[in-house]
Amino acid sequence: DAYRLFHGESDGVSGMVIERLGPVLIVQFHEGRLSVSP
């Protein structure tokens, strides 16, 4: 129950990463590469 759900540009959106960690999601927004707003 721990894996990366969305991997930035390789999944079509640069600068954003989404990970599932059990009961939570961690959403990363990377400065300078981000192509979508929070």
PDB file of all heavy atoms in Angstrom:
ATOM      1  N   ASP A   1       0.825  -1.209   0.000  1.00  0.00           N
ATOM      2  CA  ASP A   1       0.000   0.000   0.000  1.00  0.00           C
ATOM      3  C   ASP A   1       0.859   1.259   0.000  1.00  0.00           C
ATOM      4  O   ASP A   1       0.456   2.309   0.494  1.00  0.00           O
ATOM      5  CB  ASP A   1      -0.999   0.001   1.162  1.00  0.00           C
ATOM      6  CG  ASP A   1      -0.353   0.055   2.538  1.00  0.00           C
ATOM      7  OD1 ASP A   1       0.896   0.048   2.618  1.00  0.00           O
ATOM      8  OD2 ASP A   1      -1.088   0.104   3.542  1.00  0.00           O
ATOM      9  N   ALA A   2       2.051   1.153  -0.597  1.00  0.00           N
ATOM     10  CA  ALA A   2       2.948   2.299  -0.730  1.00  0.00           C
ATOM     11  C   ALA A   2       3.537   2.284  -2.136  1.00  0.00           C
ATOM     12  O   ALA A   2       4.313   1.381  -2.470  1.00  0.00           O
ATOM     13  CB  ALA A   2       4.060   2.243   0.318  1.00  0.00           C
ATOM     14  N   TYR A   3       3.148   3.256  -2.966  1.00  0.00           N
ATOM     15  CA  TYR A   3       3.613   3.313  -4.346  1.00  0.00           C
ATOM     16  C   TYR A   3       3.357   4.705  -4.904  1.00  0.00           C
ATOM     17  O   TYR A   3       2.589   5.505  -4.341  1.00  0.00           O
ATOM     18  CB  TYR A   3       2.923   2.258  -5.224  1.00  0.00           C
ATOM     19  CG  TYR A   3       1.468   2.023  -4.895  1.00  0.00           C
ATOM     20  CD1 TYR A   3       0.480   2.930  -5.277  1.00  0.00           C
ATOM     21  CD2 TYR A   3       1.078   0.901  -4.155  1.00  0.00           C
ATOM     22  CE1 TYR A   3      -0.846   2.725  -4.947  1.00  0.00           C
ATOM     23  CE2 TYR A   3      -0.247   0.691  -3.813  1.00  0.00           C
ATOM     24  CZ  TYR A   3      -1.203   1.602  -4.220  1.00  0.00           C
ATOM     25  OH  TYR A   3      -2.520   1.401  -3.878  1.00  0.00           O
ATOM     26  N   ARG A   4       4.012   4.991  -6.014  1.00  0.00           N
ATOM     27  CA  ARG A   4       3.834   6.277  -6.694  1.00  0.00           C
ATOM     28  C   ARG A   4       2.692   6.147  -7.690  1.00  0.00           C
ATOM     29  O   ARG A   4       2.741   5.318  -8.605  1.00  0.00           O
ATOM     30  CB  ARG A   4       5.131   6.704  -7.379  1.00  0.00           C
ATOM     31  CG  ARG A   4       5.048   8.075  -8.028  1.00  0.00           C
ATOM     32  CD  ARG A   4       6.427   8.677  -8.296  1.00  0.00           C
ATOM     33  NE  ARG A   4       7.054   9.105  -7.056  1.00  0.00           N
ATOM     34  CZ  ARG A   4       8.127   9.906  -7.002  1.00  0.00           C
ATOM     35  NH1 ARG A   4       8.696  10.350  -8.117  1.00  0.00           N
ATOM     36  NH2 ARG A   4       8.635  10.267  -5.845  1.00  0.00           N
ATOM     37  N   LEU A   5       1.679   6.972  -7.520  1.00  0.00           N
ATOM     38  CA  LEU A   5       0.515   6.930  -8.401  1.00  0.00           C
ATOM     39  C   LEU A   5       0.687   7.775  -9.656  1.00  0.00           C
ATOM     40  O   LEU A   5       0.107   7.465 -10.700  1.00  0.00           O
ATOM     41  CB  LEU A   5      -0.726   7.433  -7.640  1.00  0.00           C
ATOM     42  CG  LEU A   5      -1.358   6.461  -6.659  1.00  0.00           C
ATOM     43  CD1 LEU A   5      -2.385   7.191  -5.799  1.00  0.00           C
ATOM     44  CD2 LEU A   5      -2.010   5.298  -7.396  1.00  0.00           C
ATOM     45  N   PHE A   6       1.449   8.835  -9.536  1.00  0.00           N
ATOM     46  CA  PHE A   6       1.617   9.757 -10.668  1.00  0.00           C
ATOM     47  C   PHE A   6       3.040  10.273 -10.644  1.00  0.00           C
ATOM     48  O   PHE A   6       3.517  10.766  -9.623  1.00  0.00           O
ATOM     49  CB  PHE A   6       0.622  10.919 -10.558  1.00  0.00           C
ATOM     50  CG  PHE A   6       0.482  11.706 -11.829  1.00  0.00           C
ATOM     51  CD1 PHE A   6      -0.455  11.336 -12.783  1.00  0.00           C
ATOM     52  CD2 PHE A   6       1.278  12.800 -12.079  1.00  0.00           C
ATOM     53  CE1 PHE A   6      -0.583  12.054 -13.970  1.00  0.00           C
ATOM     54  CE2 PHE A   6       1.168  13.521 -13.256  1.00  0.00           C
ATOM     55  CZ  PHE A   6       0.220  13.143 -14.206  1.00  0.00           C
ATOM     56  N   HIS A   7       3.737  10.152 -11.799  1.00  0.00           N
ATOM     57  CA  HIS A   7       5.170  10.435 -11.833  1.00  0.00           C
ATOM     58  C   HIS A   7       5.485  11.555 -12.830  1.00  0.00           C
ATOM     59  O   HIS A   7       6.164  11.361 -13.830  1.00  0.00           O
ATOM     60  CB  HIS A   7       5.938   9.166 -12.187  1.00  0.00           C
ATOM     61  CG  HIS A   7       7.428   9.301 -12.104  1.00  0.00           C
ATOM     62  ND1 HIS A   7       8.079   9.752 -10.972  1.00  0.00           N
ATOM     63  CD2 HIS A   7       8.410   9.052 -13.007  1.00  0.00           C
ATOM     64  CE1 HIS A   7       9.385   9.766 -11.188  1.00  0.00           C
ATOM     65  NE2 HIS A   7       9.618   9.354 -12.422  1.00  0.00           N
ATOM     66  N   GLY A   8       4.959  12.727 -12.541  1.00  0.00           N
ATOM     67  CA  GLY A   8       5.339  13.929 -13.266  1.00  0.00           C
ATOM     68  C   GLY A   8       5.214  13.840 -14.768  1.00  0.00           C
ATOM     69  O   GLY A   8       4.218  13.351 -15.323  1.00  0.00           O
ATOM     70  N   GLU A   9       6.255  14.296 -15.456  1.00  0.00           N
ATOM     71  CA  GLU A   9       6.224  14.421 -16.910  1.00  0.00           C
ATOM     72  C   GLU A   9       5.999  13.091 -17.611  1.00  0.00           C
ATOM     73  O   GLU A   9       5.359  13.034 -18.662  1.00  0.00           O
ATOM     74  CB  GLU A   9       7.525  15.055 -17.401  1.00  0.00           C
ATOM     75  CG  GLU A   9       7.498  15.434 -18.862  1.00  0.00           C
ATOM     76  CD  GLU A   9       8.712  16.249 -19.263  1.00  0.00           C
ATOM     77  OE1 GLU A   9       9.543  16.554 -18.387  1.00  0.00           O
ATOM     78  OE2 GLU A   9       8.817  16.570 -20.453  1.00  0.00           O
ATOM     79  N   SER A  10       6.518  11.995 -17.035  1.00  0.00           N
ATOM     80  CA  SER A  10       6.337  10.696 -17.683  1.00  0.00           C
ATOM     81  C   SER A  10       4.879  10.274 -17.700  1.00  0.00           C
ATOM     82  O   SER A  10       4.477   9.436 -18.513  1.00  0.00           O
ATOM     83  CB  SER A  10       7.182   9.627 -17.000  1.00  0.00           C
ATOM     84  OG  SER A  10       6.762   9.416 -15.671  1.00  0.00           O
ATOM     85  N   ASP A  11       4.049  10.851 -16.826  1.00  0.00           N
ATOM     86  CA  ASP A  11       2.610  10.607 -16.836  1.00  0.00           C
ATOM     87  C   ASP A  11       1.828  11.779 -17.416  1.00  0.00           C
ATOM     88  O   ASP A  11       0.592  11.803 -17.348  1.00  0.00           O
ATOM     89  CB  ASP A  11       2.107  10.286 -15.425  1.00  0.00           C
ATOM     90  CG  ASP A  11       2.421   8.856 -15.015  1.00  0.00           C
ATOM     91  OD1 ASP A  11       2.260   7.954 -15.869  1.00  0.00           O
ATOM     92  OD2 ASP A  11       2.851   8.634 -13.870  1.00  0.00           O
ATOM     93  N   GLY A  12       2.543  12.768 -17.963  1.00  0.00           N
ATOM     94  CA  GLY A  12       1.873  13.821 -18.714  1.00  0.00           C
ATOM     95  C   GLY A  12       1.743  15.172 -18.056  1.00  0.00           C
ATOM     96  O   GLY A  12       1.201  16.092 -18.653  1.00  0.00           O
ATOM     97  N   VAL A  13       2.254  15.320 -16.817  1.00  0.00           N
ATOM     98  CA  VAL A  13       2.162  16.618 -16.131  1.00  0.00           C
ATOM     99  C   VAL A  13       3.491  16.866 -15.416  1.00  0.00           C
ATOM    100  O   VAL A  13       3.766  16.263 -14.380  1.00  0.00           O
ATOM    101  CB  VAL A  13       1.006  16.671 -15.114  1.00  0.00           C
ATOM    102  CG1 VAL A  13       0.940  18.052 -14.460  1.00  0.00           C
ATOM    103  CG2 VAL A  13      -0.319  16.350 -15.785  1.00  0.00           C
ATOM    104  N   SER A  14       4.318  17.739 -15.941  1.00  0.00           N
ATOM    105  CA  SER A  14       5.618  17.975 -15.322  1.00  0.00           C
ATOM    106  C   SER A  14       5.467  18.692 -13.983  1.00  0.00           C
ATOM    107  O   SER A  14       4.570  19.512 -13.783  1.00  0.00           O
ATOM    108  CB  SER A  14       6.507  18.807 -16.256  1.00  0.00           C
ATOM    109  OG  SER A  14       5.935  20.064 -16.496  1.00  0.00           O
ATOM    110  N   GLY A  15       6.339  18.323 -13.059  1.00  0.00           N
ATOM    111  CA  GLY A  15       6.407  19.019 -11.775  1.00  0.00           C
ATOM    112  C   GLY A  15       5.436  18.563 -10.721  1.00  0.00           C
ATOM    113  O   GLY A  15       5.438  19.104  -9.613  1.00  0.00           O
ATOM    114  N   MET A  16       4.601  17.559 -11.006  1.00  0.00           N
ATOM    115  CA  MET A  16       3.653  17.078  -9.996  1.00  0.00           C
ATOM    116  C   MET A  16       3.820  15.574  -9.795  1.00  0.00           C
ATOM    117  O   MET A  16       3.877  14.812 -10.761  1.00  0.00           O
ATOM    118  CB  MET A  16       2.213  17.373 -10.400  1.00  0.00           C
ATOM    119  CG  MET A  16       1.207  16.997  -9.306  1.00  0.00           C
ATOM    120  SD  MET A  16      -0.517  17.391  -9.715  1.00  0.00           S
ATOM    121  CE  MET A  16      -0.900  16.055 -10.859  1.00  0.00           C
ATOM    122  N   VAL A  17       3.906  15.169  -8.533  1.00  0.00           N
ATOM    123  CA  VAL A  17       4.057  13.770  -8.159  1.00  0.00           C
ATOM    124  C   VAL A  17       3.003  13.453  -7.104  1.00  0.00           C
ATOM    125  O   VAL A  17       2.749  14.262  -6.211  1.00  0.00           O
ATOM    126  CB  VAL A  17       5.467  13.502  -7.596  1.00  0.00           C
ATOM    127  CG1 VAL A  17       5.559  12.129  -6.949  1.00  0.00           C
ATOM    128  CG2 VAL A  17       6.517  13.652  -8.695  1.00  0.00           C
ATOM    129  N   ILE A  18       2.381  12.281  -7.221  1.00  0.00           N
ATOM    130  CA  ILE A  18       1.394  11.844  -6.225  1.00  0.00           C
ATOM    131  C   ILE A  18       1.769  10.447  -5.759  1.00  0.00           C
ATOM    132  O   ILE A  18       1.969   9.541  -6.570  1.00  0.00           O
ATOM    133  CB  ILE A  18      -0.034  11.830  -6.795  1.00  0.00           C
ATOM    134  CG1 ILE A  18      -0.403  13.188  -7.387  1.00  0.00           C
ATOM    135  CG2 ILE A  18      -1.039  11.441  -5.694  1.00  0.00           C
ATOM    136  CD1 ILE A  18      -1.745  13.194  -8.118  1.00  0.00           C
ATOM    137  N   GLU A  19       1.866  10.281  -4.447  1.00  0.00           N
ATOM    138  CA  GLU A  19       2.199   8.979  -3.876  1.00  0.00           C
ATOM    139  C   GLU A  19       1.139   8.555  -2.877  1.00  0.00           C
ATOM    140  O   GLU A  19       0.607   9.384  -2.133  1.00  0.00           O
ATOM    141  CB  GLU A  19       3.568   9.039  -3.193  1.00  0.00           C
ATOM    142  CG  GLU A  19       4.700   9.319  -4.178  1.00  0.00           C
ATOM    143  CD  GLU A  19       6.047   9.480  -3.536  1.00  0.00           C
ATOM    144  OE1 GLU A  19       6.107   9.944  -2.380  1.00  0.00           O
ATOM    145  OE2 GLU A  19       7.046   9.140  -4.198  1.00  0.00           O
ATOM    146  N   ARG A  20       0.862   7.272  -2.871  1.00  0.00           N
ATOM    147  CA  ARG A  20      -0.035   6.722  -1.864  1.00  0.00           C
ATOM    148  C   ARG A  20       0.795   6.040  -0.789  1.00  0.00           C
ATOM    149  O   ARG A  20       1.667   5.216  -1.068  1.00  0.00           O
ATOM    150  CB  ARG A  20      -0.979   5.691  -2.471  1.00  0.00           C
ATOM    151  CG  ARG A  20      -2.041   5.278  -1.441  1.00  0.00           C
ATOM    152  CD  ARG A  20      -2.362   3.838  -1.473  1.00  0.00           C
ATOM    153  NE  ARG A  20      -3.255   3.480  -0.369  1.00  0.00           N
ATOM    154  CZ  ARG A  20      -3.986   2.374  -0.355  1.00  0.00           C
ATOM    155  NH1 ARG A  20      -3.969   1.558  -1.382  1.00  0.00           N
ATOM    156  NH2 ARG A  20      -4.733   2.090   0.699  1.00  0.00           N
ATOM    157  N   LEU A  21       0.542   6.388   0.451  1.00  0.00           N
ATOM    158  CA  LEU A  21       1.219   5.792   1.600  1.00  0.00           C
ATOM    159  C   LEU A  21       0.149   5.375   2.600  1.00  0.00           C
ATOM    160  O   LEU A  21      -0.227   6.137   3.496  1.00  0.00           O
ATOM    161  CB  LEU A  21       2.182   6.797   2.230  1.00  0.00           C
ATOM    162  CG  LEU A  21       3.332   7.224   1.302  1.00  0.00           C
ATOM    163  CD1 LEU A  21       3.933   8.527   1.764  1.00  0.00           C
ATOM    164  CD2 LEU A  21       4.384   6.141   1.223  1.00  0.00           C
ATOM    165  N   GLY A  22      -0.382   4.183   2.405  1.00  0.00           N
ATOM    166  CA  GLY A  22      -1.431   3.711   3.289  1.00  0.00           C
ATOM    167  C   GLY A  22      -2.615   4.658   3.300  1.00  0.00           C
ATOM    168  O   GLY A  22      -3.243   4.894   2.269  1.00  0.00           O
ATOM    169  N   PRO A  23      -2.919   5.272   4.468  1.00  0.00           N
ATOM    170  CA  PRO A  23      -4.105   6.112   4.585  1.00  0.00           C
ATOM    171  C   PRO A  23      -3.928   7.551   4.128  1.00  0.00           C
ATOM    172  O   PRO A  23      -4.818   8.371   4.355  1.00  0.00           O
ATOM    173  CB  PRO A  23      -4.392   6.059   6.091  1.00  0.00           C
ATOM    174  CG  PRO A  23      -3.031   5.936   6.721  1.00  0.00           C
ATOM    175  CD  PRO A  23      -2.255   5.057   5.783  1.00  0.00           C
ATOM    176  N   VAL A  24      -2.779   7.876   3.510  1.00  0.00           N
ATOM    177  CA  VAL A  24      -2.570   9.260   3.071  1.00  0.00           C
ATOM    178  C   VAL A  24      -2.045   9.300   1.638  1.00  0.00           C
ATOM    179  O   VAL A  24      -1.477   8.328   1.128  1.00  0.00           O
ATOM    180  CB  VAL A  24      -1.585  10.034   3.990  1.00  0.00           C
ATOM    181  CG1 VAL A  24      -2.011   9.978   5.437  1.00  0.00           C
ATOM    182  CG2 VAL A  24      -0.177   9.521   3.818  1.00  0.00           C
ATOM    183  N   LEU A  25      -2.228  10.452   1.009  1.00  0.00           N
ATOM    184  CA  LEU A  25      -1.565  10.779  -0.245  1.00  0.00           C
ATOM    185  C   LEU A  25      -0.548  11.878   0.046  1.00  0.00           C
ATOM    186  O   LEU A  25      -0.802  12.777   0.846  1.00  0.00           O
ATOM    187  CB  LEU A  25      -2.553  11.286  -1.295  1.00  0.00           C
ATOM    188  CG  LEU A  25      -3.656  10.345  -1.770  1.00  0.00           C
ATOM    189  CD1 LEU A  25      -4.522  11.035  -2.813  1.00  0.00           C
ATOM    190  CD2 LEU A  25      -3.082   9.044  -2.327  1.00  0.00           C
ATOM    191  N   ILE A  26       0.607  11.786  -0.595  1.00  0.00           N
ATOM    192  CA  ILE A  26       1.591  12.860  -0.571  1.00  0.00           C
ATOM    193  C   ILE A  26       1.635  13.442  -1.978  1.00  0.00           C
ATOM    194  O   ILE A  26       1.867  12.712  -2.951  1.00  0.00           O
ATOM    195  CB  ILE A  26       2.995  12.354  -0.182  1.00  0.00           C
ATOM    196  CG1 ILE A  26       2.980  11.723   1.214  1.00  0.00           C
ATOM    197  CG2 ILE A  26       4.013  13.490  -0.263  1.00  0.00           C
ATOM    198  CD1 ILE A  26       2.751  12.702   2.355  1.00  0.00           C
ATOM    199  N   VAL A  27       1.398  14.749  -2.085  1.00  0.00           N
ATOM    200  CA  VAL A  27       1.387  15.414  -3.390  1.00  0.00           C
ATOM    201  C   VAL A  27       2.554  16.394  -3.427  1.00  0.00           C
ATOM    202  O   VAL A  27       2.633  17.310  -2.615  1.00  0.00           O
ATOM    203  CB  VAL A  27       0.055  16.150  -3.631  1.00  0.00           C
ATOM    204  CG1 VAL A  27       0.006  16.705  -5.052  1.00  0.00           C
ATOM    205  CG2 VAL A  27      -1.126  15.215  -3.392  1.00  0.00           C
ATOM    206  N   GLN A  28       3.463  16.182  -4.375  1.00  0.00           N
ATOM    207  CA  GLN A  28       4.631  17.046  -4.512  1.00  0.00           C
ATOM    208  C   GLN A  28       4.423  18.030  -5.658  1.00  0.00           C
ATOM    209  O   GLN A  28       4.014  17.641  -6.750  1.00  0.00           O
ATOM    210  CB  GLN A  28       5.881  16.217  -4.813  1.00  0.00           C
ATOM    211  CG  GLN A  28       6.224  15.182  -3.772  1.00  0.00           C
ATOM    212  CD  GLN A  28       7.435  14.355  -4.192  1.00  0.00           C
ATOM    213  OE1 GLN A  28       8.163  14.709  -5.124  1.00  0.00           O
ATOM    214  NE2 GLN A  28       7.662  13.250  -3.495  1.00  0.00           N
ATOM    215  N   PHE A  29       4.741  19.293  -5.398  1.00  0.00           N
ATOM    216  CA  PHE A  29       4.729  20.327  -6.428  1.00  0.00           C
ATOM    217  C   PHE A  29       6.150  20.885  -6.526  1.00  0.00           C
ATOM    218  O   PHE A  29       6.690  21.401  -5.550  1.00  0.00           O
ATOM    219  CB  PHE A  29       3.744  21.441  -6.069  1.00  0.00           C
ATOM    220  CG  PHE A  29       2.310  20.982  -5.990  1.00  0.00           C
ATOM    221  CD1 PHE A  29       1.669  20.852  -4.756  1.00  0.00           C
ATOM    222  CD2 PHE A  29       1.604  20.675  -7.140  1.00  0.00           C
ATOM    223  CE1 PHE A  29       0.343  20.436  -4.680  1.00  0.00           C
ATOM    224  CE2 PHE A  29       0.272  20.252  -7.068  1.00  0.00           C
ATOM    225  CZ  PHE A  29      -0.353  20.133  -5.844  1.00  0.00           C
ATOM    226  N   HIS A  30       6.763  20.753  -7.701  1.00  0.00           N
ATOM    227  CA  HIS A  30       8.167  21.106  -7.883  1.00  0.00           C
ATOM    228  C   HIS A  30       8.315  22.448  -8.597  1.00  0.00           C
ATOM    229  O   HIS A  30       7.912  22.588  -9.757  1.00  0.00           O
ATOM    230  CB  HIS A  30       8.885  20.010  -8.667  1.00  0.00           C
ATOM    231  CG  HIS A  30       9.041  18.728  -7.905  1.00  0.00           C
ATOM    232  ND1 HIS A  30      10.201  18.396  -7.245  1.00  0.00           N
ATOM    233  CD2 HIS A  30       8.151  17.723  -7.666  1.00  0.00           C
ATOM    234  CE1 HIS A  30      10.039  17.217  -6.651  1.00  0.00           C
ATOM    235  NE2 HIS A  30       8.804  16.790  -6.891  1.00  0.00           N
ATOM    236  N   GLU A  31       8.925  23.382  -7.892  1.00  0.00           N
ATOM    237  CA  GLU A  31       9.144  24.727  -8.418  1.00  0.00           C
ATOM    238  C   GLU A  31       9.963  24.683  -9.713  1.00  0.00           C
ATOM    239  O   GLU A  31      10.921  23.932  -9.835  1.00  0.00           O
ATOM    240  CB  GLU A  31       9.901  25.558  -7.375  1.00  0.00           C
ATOM    241  CG  GLU A  31      10.176  26.992  -7.795  1.00  0.00           C
ATOM    242  CD  GLU A  31      11.044  27.714  -6.778  1.00  0.00           C
ATOM    243  OE1 GLU A  31      12.140  27.218  -6.458  1.00  0.00           O
ATOM    244  OE2 GLU A  31      10.626  28.775  -6.302  1.00  0.00           O
ATOM    245  N   GLY A  32       9.557  25.494 -10.673  1.00  0.00           N
ATOM    246  CA  GLY A  32      10.298  25.619 -11.915  1.00  0.00           C
ATOM    247  C   GLY A  32       9.903  24.625 -12.978  1.00  0.00           C
ATOM    248  O   GLY A  32      10.194  24.817 -14.155  1.00  0.00           O
ATOM    249  N   ARG A  33       9.232  23.537 -12.576  1.00  0.00           N
ATOM    250  CA  ARG A  33       8.816  22.524 -13.543  1.00  0.00           C
ATOM    251  C   ARG A  33       7.310  22.338 -13.581  1.00  0.00           C
ATOM    252  O   ARG A  33       6.781  21.588 -14.398  1.00  0.00           O
ATOM    253  CB  ARG A  33       9.472  21.180 -13.217  1.00  0.00           C
ATOM    254  CG  ARG A  33      10.976  21.170 -13.423  1.00  0.00           C
ATOM    255  CD  ARG A  33      11.535  19.765 -13.255  1.00  0.00           C
ATOM    256  NE  ARG A  33      11.690  19.386 -11.853  1.00  0.00           N
ATOM    257  CZ  ARG A  33      11.370  18.210 -11.359  1.00  0.00           C
ATOM    258  NH1 ARG A  33      10.819  17.290 -12.126  1.00  0.00           N
ATOM    259  NH2 ARG A  33      11.582  17.932 -10.085  1.00  0.00           N
ATOM    260  N   LEU A  34       6.613  23.016 -12.682  1.00  0.00           N
ATOM    261  CA  LEU A  34       5.198  22.757 -12.489  1.00  0.00           C
ATOM    262  C   LEU A  34       4.356  23.282 -13.649  1.00  0.00           C
ATOM    263  O   LEU A  34       4.452  24.450 -14.025  1.00  0.00           O
ATOM    264  CB  LEU A  34       4.745  23.404 -11.179  1.00  0.00           C
ATOM    265  CG  LEU A  34       3.403  22.955 -10.607  1.00  0.00           C
ATOM    266  CD1 LEU A  34       3.400  21.453 -10.348  1.00  0.00           C
ATOM    267  CD2 LEU A  34       3.119  23.702  -9.302  1.00  0.00           C
ATOM    268  N   SER A  35       3.531  22.406 -14.225  1.00  0.00           N
ATOM    269  CA  SER A  35       2.685  22.795 -15.356  1.00  0.00           C
ATOM    270  C   SER A  35       1.210  22.834 -14.997  1.00  0.00           C
ATOM    271  O   SER A  35       0.361  23.007 -15.863  1.00  0.00           O
ATOM    272  CB  SER A  35       2.901  21.835 -16.534  1.00  0.00           C
ATOM    273  OG  SER A  35       2.609  20.498 -16.158  1.00  0.00           O
ATOM    274  N   VAL A  36       0.914  22.659 -13.686  1.00  0.00           N
ATOM    275  CA  VAL A  36      -0.465  22.754 -13.224  1.00  0.00           C
ATOM    276  C   VAL A  36      -0.444  23.373 -11.829  1.00  0.00           C
ATOM    277  O   VAL A  36       0.470  23.124 -11.039  1.00  0.00           O
ATOM    278  CB  VAL A  36      -1.131  21.354 -13.202  1.00  0.00           C
ATOM    279  CG1 VAL A  36      -0.410  20.428 -12.243  1.00  0.00           C
ATOM    280  CG2 VAL A  36      -2.608  21.459 -12.832  1.00  0.00           C
ATOM    281  N   SER A  37      -1.421  24.184 -11.523  1.00  0.00           N
ATOM    282  CA  SER A  37      -1.442  24.829 -10.213  1.00  0.00           C
ATOM    283  C   SER A  37      -2.045  23.898  -9.171  1.00  0.00           C
ATOM    284  O   SER A  37      -2.871  23.034  -9.493  1.00  0.00           O
ATOM    285  CB  SER A  37      -2.258  26.115 -10.270  1.00  0.00           C
ATOM    286  OG  SER A  37      -3.645  25.812 -10.368  1.00  0.00           O
ATOM    287  N   PRO A  38      -1.656  24.057  -7.906  1.00  0.00           N
ATOM    288  CA  PRO A  38      -2.284  23.259  -6.852  1.00  0.00           C
ATOM    289  C   PRO A  38      -3.805  23.398  -6.835  1.00  0.00           C
ATOM    290  O   PRO A  38      -4.506  22.416  -6.583  1.00  0.00           O
ATOM    291  CB  PRO A  38      -1.633  23.807  -5.576  1.00  0.00           C
ATOM    292  CG  PRO A  38      -0.285  24.271  -6.019  1.00  0.00           C
ATOM    293  CD  PRO A  38      -0.517  24.857  -7.386  1.00  0.00           C
TER     294      PRO A  38
END
